Structure formats: structure tokens, C-alpha cells
Amino acid sequence: DREANQQQRTANGLRSGQMTSGEAARTNRNQARVDQQVHNERTANGGPLTPQQKRQVNHEQNKNSRQIYREKHNNNTAKPARDHDR
């Protein structure tokens, strides 16, 4: 759920113009790195993450969340994406 929420925050920032496409790509790459890390650790463990690995993943997710906030609230802006359905 947290991963989906952070991806939605990035998409909303890009749509509203609060984030540039480069900023959004950077946050998405960081999220993909965490996802790959979780996948690799689960494969190595044969399923669940250890408590230490869970703490590490949570730390990385917190770091990504702060980055999304900073990217959305810095002075870099882009033109908001146009809604072509209207």
C-alpha cells in the first residue's frame, strides 16, 4: 500500500506541475530500487523479511517519502499536464 501511495503522490505532483518529469523519474527510480531490494531479500530468505530487513526497507521508504515532499515543494515547476478528455 505504501508503495502505491508514494507512486500516486509522484503522479499527482507531475500532473499538477509541482514536479518536473526529471524529478518524478528520479523518485520512481528510487522506489524501484527499494522494490528490487525487497524482492531480492525475499528470494534469498525464501519468503519473509527479517526484522532487520523490514527496518531497512522502512528507512528507505521514509527517505523516499521525504524526497517526494522536497521535490514537490522546491521551486522547480513544470507546466501542469493537460487533460485531453475535456
PDB file of N, CA and C in Angstrom:
ATOM      1  N   ASP A   1       0.824  -1.199   0.000  1.00  0.00           N
ATOM      2  CA  ASP A   1       0.000   0.000   0.000  1.00  0.00           C
ATOM      3  C   ASP A   1       0.867   1.262   0.000  1.00  0.00           C
ATOM      4  N   ARG A   2       1.945   1.210   0.766  1.00  0.00           N
ATOM      5  CA  ARG A   2       2.797   2.395   0.866  1.00  0.00           C
ATOM      6  C   ARG A   2       3.436   2.715  -0.483  1.00  0.00           C
ATOM      7  N   GLU A   3       3.868   1.684  -1.184  1.00  0.00           N
ATOM      8  CA  GLU A   3       4.478   1.891  -2.499  1.00  0.00           C
ATOM      9  C   GLU A   3       3.484   2.549  -3.452  1.00  0.00           C
ATOM     10  N   ALA A   4       2.263   2.058  -3.474  1.00  0.00           N
ATOM     11  CA  ALA A   4       1.233   2.620  -4.351  1.00  0.00           C
ATOM     12  C   ALA A   4       0.933   4.067  -3.971  1.00  0.00           C
ATOM     13  N   ASN A   5       0.896   4.354  -2.687  1.00  0.00           N
ATOM     14  CA  ASN A   5       0.641   5.706  -2.220  1.00  0.00           C
ATOM     15  C   ASN A   5       1.736   6.660  -2.685  1.00  0.00           C
ATOM     16  N   GLN A   6       2.987   6.228  -2.573  1.00  0.00           N
ATOM     17  CA  GLN A   6       4.085   7.102  -2.977  1.00  0.00           C
ATOM     18  C   GLN A   6       4.109   7.292  -4.489  1.00  0.00           C
ATOM     19  N   GLN A   7       3.760   6.264  -5.235  1.00  0.00           N
ATOM     20  CA  GLN A   7       3.680   6.422  -6.685  1.00  0.00           C
ATOM     21  C   GLN A   7       2.559   7.393  -7.056  1.00  0.00           C
ATOM     22  N   GLN A   8       1.459   7.335  -6.318  1.00  0.00           N
ATOM     23  CA  GLN A   8       0.346   8.250  -6.565  1.00  0.00           C
ATOM     24  C   GLN A   8       0.751   9.686  -6.246  1.00  0.00           C
ATOM     25  N   ARG A   9       1.489   9.878  -5.158  1.00  0.00           N
ATOM     26  CA  ARG A   9       1.965  11.221  -4.796  1.00  0.00           C
ATOM     27  C   ARG A   9       2.855  11.791  -5.902  1.00  0.00           C
ATOM     28  N   THR A  10       3.726  10.947  -6.456  1.00  0.00           N
ATOM     29  CA  THR A  10       4.600  11.389  -7.542  1.00  0.00           C
ATOM     30  C   THR A  10       3.775  11.738  -8.778  1.00  0.00           C
ATOM     31  N   ALA A  11       2.823  10.884  -9.112  1.00  0.00           N
ATOM     32  CA  ALA A  11       1.979  11.140 -10.285  1.00  0.00           C
ATOM     33  C   ALA A  11       1.180  12.428 -10.112  1.00  0.00           C
ATOM     34  N   ASN A  12       0.655  12.651  -8.917  1.00  0.00           N
ATOM     35  CA  ASN A  12      -0.099  13.883  -8.662  1.00  0.00           C
ATOM     36  C   ASN A  12       0.796  15.105  -8.774  1.00  0.00           C
ATOM     37  N   GLY A  13       2.019  15.005  -8.277  1.00  0.00           N
ATOM     38  CA  GLY A  13       2.967  16.115  -8.367  1.00  0.00           C
ATOM     39  C   GLY A  13       3.317  16.428  -9.808  1.00  0.00           C
ATOM     40  N   LEU A  14       3.486  15.420 -10.608  1.00  0.00           N
ATOM     41  CA  LEU A  14       3.788  15.612 -12.026  1.00  0.00           C
ATOM     42  C   LEU A  14       2.585  16.221 -12.742  1.00  0.00           C
ATOM     43  N   ARG A  15       1.391  15.704 -12.442  1.00  0.00           N
ATOM     44  CA  ARG A  15       0.169  16.189 -13.085  1.00  0.00           C
ATOM     45  C   ARG A  15      -0.106  17.651 -12.743  1.00  0.00           C
ATOM     46  N   SER A  16       0.159  18.023 -11.492  1.00  0.00           N
ATOM     47  CA  SER A  16      -0.144  19.388 -11.063  1.00  0.00           C
ATOM     48  C   SER A  16       0.936  20.382 -11.460  1.00  0.00           C
ATOM     49  N   GLY A  17       2.092  19.872 -11.875  1.00  0.00           N
ATOM     50  CA  GLY A  17       3.183  20.764 -12.229  1.00  0.00           C
ATOM     51  C   GLY A  17       4.116  21.041 -11.064  1.00  0.00           C
ATOM     52  N   GLN A  18       3.844  20.460  -9.892  1.00  0.00           N
ATOM     53  CA  GLN A  18       4.719  20.664  -8.740  1.00  0.00           C
ATOM     54  C   GLN A  18       6.055  19.951  -8.911  1.00  0.00           C
ATOM     55  N   MET A  19       6.089  18.940  -9.768  1.00  0.00           N
ATOM     56  CA  MET A  19       7.327  18.201 -10.033  1.00  0.00           C
ATOM     57  C   MET A  19       7.603  18.244 -11.522  1.00  0.00           C
ATOM     58  N   THR A  20       8.888  18.291 -11.869  1.00  0.00           N
ATOM     59  CA  THR A  20       9.266  18.180 -13.270  1.00  0.00           C
ATOM     60  C   THR A  20       9.330  16.696 -13.623  1.00  0.00           C
ATOM     61  N   SER A  21       9.399  16.393 -14.893  1.00  0.00           N
ATOM     62  CA  SER A  21       9.476  14.985 -15.291  1.00  0.00           C
ATOM     63  C   SER A  21      10.763  14.354 -14.786  1.00  0.00           C
ATOM     64  N   GLY A  22      11.848  15.103 -14.727  1.00  0.00           N
ATOM     65  CA  GLY A  22      13.109  14.580 -14.202  1.00  0.00           C
ATOM     66  C   GLY A  22      13.013  14.245 -12.726  1.00  0.00           C
ATOM     67  N   GLU A  23      12.350  15.113 -11.964  1.00  0.00           N
ATOM     68  CA  GLU A  23      12.172  14.855 -10.536  1.00  0.00           C
ATOM     69  C   GLU A  23      11.318  13.613 -10.316  1.00  0.00           C
ATOM     70  N   ALA A  24      10.254  13.489 -11.091  1.00  0.00           N
ATOM     71  CA  ALA A  24       9.371  12.326 -10.963  1.00  0.00           C
ATOM     72  C   ALA A  24      10.121  11.048 -11.341  1.00  0.00           C
ATOM     73  N   ALA A  25      10.928  11.118 -12.392  1.00  0.00           N
ATOM     74  CA  ALA A  25      11.693   9.941 -12.810  1.00  0.00           C
ATOM     75  C   ALA A  25      12.670   9.525 -11.712  1.00  0.00           C
ATOM     76  N   ARG A  26      13.297  10.499 -11.075  1.00  0.00           N
ATOM     77  CA  ARG A  26      14.250  10.202 -10.002  1.00  0.00           C
ATOM     78  C   ARG A  26      13.553   9.509  -8.827  1.00  0.00           C
ATOM     79  N   THR A  27      12.393  10.022  -8.421  1.00  0.00           N
ATOM     80  CA  THR A  27      11.689   9.399  -7.293  1.00  0.00           C
ATOM     81  C   THR A  27      11.205   7.999  -7.674  1.00  0.00           C
ATOM     82  N   ASN A  28      10.784   7.815  -8.915  1.00  0.00           N
ATOM     83  CA  ASN A  28      10.345   6.488  -9.359  1.00  0.00           C
ATOM     84  C   ASN A  28      11.508   5.501  -9.403  1.00  0.00           C
ATOM     85  N   ARG A  29      12.697   5.962  -9.827  1.00  0.00           N
ATOM     86  CA  ARG A  29      13.877   5.090  -9.839  1.00  0.00           C
ATOM     87  C   ARG A  29      14.232   4.653  -8.418  1.00  0.00           C
ATOM     88  N   ASN A  30      14.175   5.591  -7.484  1.00  0.00           N
ATOM     89  CA  ASN A  30      14.492   5.253  -6.095  1.00  0.00           C
ATOM     90  C   ASN A  30      13.500   4.236  -5.542  1.00  0.00           C
ATOM     91  N   GLN A  31      12.230   4.402  -5.867  1.00  0.00           N
ATOM     92  CA  GLN A  31      11.209   3.455  -5.405  1.00  0.00           C
ATOM     93  C   GLN A  31      11.445   2.076  -6.031  1.00  0.00           C
ATOM     94  N   ALA A  32      11.812   2.065  -7.310  1.00  0.00           N
ATOM     95  CA  ALA A  32      12.076   0.792  -7.984  1.00  0.00           C
ATOM     96  C   ALA A  32      13.263   0.077  -7.350  1.00  0.00           C
ATOM     97  N   ARG A  33      14.263   0.843  -6.904  1.00  0.00           N
ATOM     98  CA  ARG A  33      15.420   0.254  -6.224  1.00  0.00           C
ATOM     99  C   ARG A  33      14.997  -0.450  -4.937  1.00  0.00           C
ATOM    100  N   VAL A  34      14.132   0.201  -4.164  1.00  0.00           N
ATOM    101  CA  VAL A  34      13.650  -0.404  -2.919  1.00  0.00           C
ATOM    102  C   VAL A  34      12.845  -1.661  -3.236  1.00  0.00           C
ATOM    103  N   ASP A  35      11.999  -1.587  -4.240  1.00  0.00           N
ATOM    104  CA  ASP A  35      11.191  -2.755  -4.627  1.00  0.00           C
ATOM    105  C   ASP A  35      12.083  -3.932  -5.017  1.00  0.00           C
ATOM    106  N   GLN A  36      13.150  -3.654  -5.763  1.00  0.00           N
ATOM    107  CA  GLN A  36      14.078  -4.708  -6.179  1.00  0.00           C
ATOM    108  C   GLN A  36      14.812  -5.279  -4.972  1.00  0.00           C
ATOM    109  N   GLN A  37      15.183  -4.409  -4.041  1.00  0.00           N
ATOM    110  CA  GLN A  37      15.849  -4.844  -2.810  1.00  0.00           C
ATOM    111  C   GLN A  37      14.955  -5.809  -2.030  1.00  0.00           C
ATOM    112  N   VAL A  38      13.692  -5.460  -1.888  1.00  0.00           N
ATOM    113  CA  VAL A  38      12.742  -6.320  -1.169  1.00  0.00           C
ATOM    114  C   VAL A  38      12.612  -7.658  -1.891  1.00  0.00           C
ATOM    115  N   HIS A  39      12.479  -7.613  -3.200  1.00  0.00           N
ATOM    116  CA  HIS A  39      12.345  -8.839  -3.982  1.00  0.00           C
ATOM    117  C   HIS A  39      13.568  -9.741  -3.784  1.00  0.00           C
ATOM    118  N   ASN A  40      14.759  -9.152  -3.881  1.00  0.00           N
ATOM    119  CA  ASN A  40      15.988  -9.933  -3.739  1.00  0.00           C
ATOM    120  C   ASN A  40      16.103 -10.541  -2.341  1.00  0.00           C
ATOM    121  N   GLU A  41      15.758  -9.773  -1.313  1.00  0.00           N
ATOM    122  CA  GLU A  41      15.865 -10.279   0.048  1.00  0.00           C
ATOM    123  C   GLU A  41      14.844 -11.378   0.320  1.00  0.00           C
ATOM    124  N   ARG A  42      13.643 -11.218  -0.206  1.00  0.00           N
ATOM    125  CA  ARG A  42      12.633 -12.270  -0.025  1.00  0.00           C
ATOM    126  C   ARG A  42      13.042 -13.546  -0.746  1.00  0.00           C
ATOM    127  N   THR A  43      13.626 -13.396  -1.922  1.00  0.00           N
ATOM    128  CA  THR A  43      14.089 -14.569  -2.668  1.00  0.00           C
ATOM    129  C   THR A  43      15.204 -15.273  -1.898  1.00  0.00           C
ATOM    130  N   ALA A  44      16.124 -14.497  -1.349  1.00  0.00           N
ATOM    131  CA  ALA A  44      17.249 -15.070  -0.603  1.00  0.00           C
ATOM    132  C   ALA A  44      16.776 -15.754   0.682  1.00  0.00           C
ATOM    133  N   ASN A  45      15.747 -15.189   1.312  1.00  0.00           N
ATOM    134  CA  ASN A  45      15.244 -15.749   2.576  1.00  0.00           C
ATOM    135  C   ASN A  45      14.224 -16.861   2.368  1.00  0.00           C
ATOM    136  N   GLY A  46      13.749 -17.019   1.168  1.00  0.00           N
ATOM    137  CA  GLY A  46      12.709 -17.999   0.918  1.00  0.00           C
ATOM    138  C   GLY A  46      11.341 -17.528   1.375  1.00  0.00           C
ATOM    139  N   GLY A  47      11.118 -16.228   1.419  1.00  0.00           N
ATOM    140  CA  GLY A  47       9.802 -15.706   1.786  1.00  0.00           C
ATOM    141  C   GLY A  47       9.868 -14.408   2.559  1.00  0.00           C
ATOM    142  N   PRO A  48       9.649 -14.467   3.869  1.00  0.00           N
ATOM    143  CA  PRO A  48       9.505 -13.230   4.647  1.00  0.00           C
ATOM    144  C   PRO A  48      10.829 -12.505   4.884  1.00  0.00           C
ATOM    145  N   LEU A  49      10.719 -11.223   5.151  1.00  0.00           N
ATOM    146  CA  LEU A  49      11.884 -10.414   5.508  1.00  0.00           C
ATOM    147  C   LEU A  49      12.165 -10.575   7.000  1.00  0.00           C
ATOM    148  N   THR A  50      13.428 -10.453   7.359  1.00  0.00           N
ATOM    149  CA  THR A  50      13.798 -10.480   8.773  1.00  0.00           C
ATOM    150  C   THR A  50      13.422  -9.130   9.381  1.00  0.00           C
ATOM    151  N   PRO A  51      13.305  -9.045  10.700  1.00  0.00           N
ATOM    152  CA  PRO A  51      13.005  -7.745  11.323  1.00  0.00           C
ATOM    153  C   PRO A  51      14.012  -6.656  10.935  1.00  0.00           C
ATOM    154  N   GLN A  52      15.281  -7.007  10.843  1.00  0.00           N
ATOM    155  CA  GLN A  52      16.299  -6.032  10.441  1.00  0.00           C
ATOM    156  C   GLN A  52      16.057  -5.552   9.012  1.00  0.00           C
ATOM    157  N   GLN A  53      15.710  -6.470   8.118  1.00  0.00           N
ATOM    158  CA  GLN A  53      15.432  -6.091   6.732  1.00  0.00           C
ATOM    159  C   GLN A  53      14.185  -5.219   6.650  1.00  0.00           C
ATOM    160  N   LYS A  54      13.178  -5.508   7.472  1.00  0.00           N
ATOM    161  CA  LYS A  54      11.969  -4.685   7.495  1.00  0.00           C
ATOM    162  C   LYS A  54      12.298  -3.262   7.931  1.00  0.00           C
ATOM    163  N   ARG A  55      13.161  -3.134   8.956  1.00  0.00           N
ATOM    164  CA  ARG A  55      13.570  -1.800   9.411  1.00  0.00           C
ATOM    165  C   ARG A  55      14.297  -1.052   8.301  1.00  0.00           C
ATOM    166  N   GLN A  56      15.164  -1.756   7.583  1.00  0.00           N
ATOM    167  CA  GLN A  56      15.918  -1.127   6.496  1.00  0.00           C
ATOM    168  C   GLN A  56      14.980  -0.659   5.385  1.00  0.00           C
ATOM    169  N   VAL A  57      14.028  -1.493   5.019  1.00  0.00           N
ATOM    170  CA  VAL A  57      13.066  -1.123   3.971  1.00  0.00           C
ATOM    171  C   VAL A  57      12.241   0.080   4.434  1.00  0.00           C
ATOM    172  N   ASN A  58      11.808   0.073   5.686  1.00  0.00           N
ATOM    173  CA  ASN A  58      11.041   1.198   6.210  1.00  0.00           C
ATOM    174  C   ASN A  58      11.869   2.476   6.176  1.00  0.00           C
ATOM    175  N   HIS A  59      13.151   2.367   6.516  1.00  0.00           N
ATOM    176  CA  HIS A  59      14.048   3.523   6.462  1.00  0.00           C
ATOM    177  C   HIS A  59      14.144   4.069   5.032  1.00  0.00           C
ATOM    178  N   GLU A  60      14.303   3.166   4.064  1.00  0.00           N
ATOM    179  CA  GLU A  60      14.388   3.574   2.657  1.00  0.00           C
ATOM    180  C   GLU A  60      13.074   4.211   2.192  1.00  0.00           C
ATOM    181  N   GLN A  61      11.939   3.648   2.613  1.00  0.00           N
ATOM    182  CA  GLN A  61      10.637   4.206   2.244  1.00  0.00           C
ATOM    183  C   GLN A  61      10.468   5.603   2.844  1.00  0.00           C
ATOM    184  N   ASN A  62      10.903   5.786   4.101  1.00  0.00           N
ATOM    185  CA  ASN A  62      10.837   7.110   4.725  1.00  0.00           C
ATOM    186  C   ASN A  62      11.690   8.103   3.956  1.00  0.00           C
ATOM    187  N   LYS A  63      12.869   7.670   3.534  1.00  0.00           N
ATOM    188  CA  LYS A  63      13.776   8.532   2.771  1.00  0.00           C
ATOM    189  C   LYS A  63      13.121   8.935   1.442  1.00  0.00           C
ATOM    190  N   ASN A  64      12.495   7.978   0.765  1.00  0.00           N
ATOM    191  CA  ASN A  64      11.818   8.275  -0.490  1.00  0.00           C
ATOM    192  C   ASN A  64      10.640   9.227  -0.273  1.00  0.00           C
ATOM    193  N   SER A  65       9.920   9.042   0.824  1.00  0.00           N
ATOM    194  CA  SER A  65       8.788   9.909   1.117  1.00  0.00           C
ATOM    195  C   SER A  65       9.253  11.356   1.315  1.00  0.00           C
ATOM    196  N   ARG A  66      10.346  11.526   2.048  1.00  0.00           N
ATOM    197  CA  ARG A  66      10.891  12.876   2.246  1.00  0.00           C
ATOM    198  C   ARG A  66      11.346  13.479   0.927  1.00  0.00           C
ATOM    199  N   GLN A  67      11.933  12.645   0.056  1.00  0.00           N
ATOM    200  CA  GLN A  67      12.382  13.146  -1.234  1.00  0.00           C
ATOM    201  C   GLN A  67      11.193  13.620  -2.078  1.00  0.00           C
ATOM    202  N   ILE A  68      10.109  12.862  -2.076  1.00  0.00           N
ATOM    203  CA  ILE A  68       8.926  13.261  -2.832  1.00  0.00           C
ATOM    204  C   ILE A  68       8.429  14.612  -2.320  1.00  0.00           C
ATOM    205  N   TYR A  69       8.372  14.763  -0.999  1.00  0.00           N
ATOM    206  CA  TYR A  69       7.929  16.035  -0.419  1.00  0.00           C
ATOM    207  C   TYR A  69       8.842  17.171  -0.875  1.00  0.00           C
ATOM    208  N   ARG A  70      10.157  16.968  -0.777  1.00  0.00           N
ATOM    209  CA  ARG A  70      11.102  18.026  -1.164  1.00  0.00           C
ATOM    210  C   ARG A  70      10.973  18.375  -2.636  1.00  0.00           C
ATOM    211  N   GLU A  71      10.827  17.363  -3.487  1.00  0.00           N
ATOM    212  CA  GLU A  71      10.707  17.619  -4.931  1.00  0.00           C
ATOM    213  C   GLU A  71       9.421  18.388  -5.247  1.00  0.00           C
ATOM    214  N   LYS A  72       8.344  18.064  -4.525  1.00  0.00           N
ATOM    215  CA  LYS A  72       7.074  18.743  -4.786  1.00  0.00           C
ATOM    216  C   LYS A  72       7.062  20.174  -4.258  1.00  0.00           C
ATOM    217  N   HIS A  73       7.890  20.463  -3.252  1.00  0.00           N
ATOM    218  CA  HIS A  73       7.840  21.773  -2.618  1.00  0.00           C
ATOM    219  C   HIS A  73       9.065  22.636  -2.885  1.00  0.00           C
ATOM    220  N   ASN A  74       9.904  22.248  -3.846  1.00  0.00           N
ATOM    221  CA  ASN A  74      11.009  23.119  -4.198  1.00  0.00           C
ATOM    222  C   ASN A  74      10.520  24.123  -5.245  1.00  0.00           C
ATOM    223  N   ASN A  75      11.398  24.945  -5.729  1.00  0.00           N
ATOM    224  CA  ASN A  75      10.970  25.986  -6.678  1.00  0.00           C
ATOM    225  C   ASN A  75      10.943  25.521  -8.120  1.00  0.00           C
ATOM    226  N   ASN A  76      11.293  24.268  -8.380  1.00  0.00           N
ATOM    227  CA  ASN A  76      11.228  23.739  -9.738  1.00  0.00           C
ATOM    228  C   ASN A  76       9.788  23.357 -10.053  1.00  0.00           C
ATOM    229  N   THR A  77       9.279  23.898 -11.122  1.00  0.00           N
ATOM    230  CA  THR A  77       7.916  23.568 -11.529  1.00  0.00           C
ATOM    231  C   THR A  77       7.897  23.258 -13.012  1.00  0.00           C
ATOM    232  N   ALA A  78       6.845  22.623 -13.426  1.00  0.00           N
ATOM    233  CA  ALA A  78       6.629  22.315 -14.832  1.00  0.00           C
ATOM    234  C   ALA A  78       5.211  22.739 -15.170  1.00  0.00           C
ATOM    235  N   LYS A  79       4.931  22.859 -16.452  1.00  0.00           N
ATOM    236  CA  LYS A  79       3.554  23.149 -16.830  1.00  0.00           C
ATOM    237  C   LYS A  79       2.696  21.951 -16.453  1.00  0.00           C
ATOM    238  N   PRO A  80       1.563  22.181 -15.811  1.00  0.00           N
ATOM    239  CA  PRO A  80       0.699  21.048 -15.458  1.00  0.00           C
ATOM    240  C   PRO A  80       0.296  20.263 -16.694  1.00  0.00           C
ATOM    241  N   ALA A  81       0.177  18.971 -16.542  1.00  0.00           N
ATOM    242  CA  ALA A  81      -0.245  18.120 -17.654  1.00  0.00           C
ATOM    243  C   ALA A  81      -1.656  18.504 -18.051  1.00  0.00           C
ATOM    244  N   ARG A  82      -1.892  18.556 -19.344  1.00  0.00           N
ATOM    245  CA  ARG A  82      -3.219  18.928 -19.828  1.00  0.00           C
ATOM    246  C   ARG A  82      -4.117  17.717 -19.841  1.00  0.00           C
ATOM    247  N   ASP A  83      -5.364  17.927 -19.485  1.00  0.00           N
ATOM    248  CA  ASP A  83      -6.353  16.865 -19.508  1.00  0.00           C
ATOM    249  C   ASP A  83      -7.002  16.875 -20.883  1.00  0.00           C
ATOM    250  N   HIS A  84      -6.705  15.897 -21.713  1.00  0.00           N
ATOM    251  CA  HIS A  84      -7.218  15.872 -23.080  1.00  0.00           C
ATOM    252  C   HIS A  84      -8.633  15.333 -23.187  1.00  0.00           C
ATOM    253  N   ASP A  85      -9.213  14.908 -22.057  1.00  0.00           N
ATOM    254  CA  ASP A  85     -10.558  14.350 -22.092  1.00  0.00           C
ATOM    255  C   ASP A  85     -11.640  15.425 -22.030  1.00  0.00           C
ATOM    256  N   ARG A  86     -11.258  16.634 -21.775  1.00  0.00           N
ATOM    257  CA  ARG A  86     -12.262  17.696 -21.616  1.00  0.00           C
ATOM    258  C   ARG A  86     -12.618  18.327 -22.927  1.00  0.00           C
TER     259      ARG A  86
END
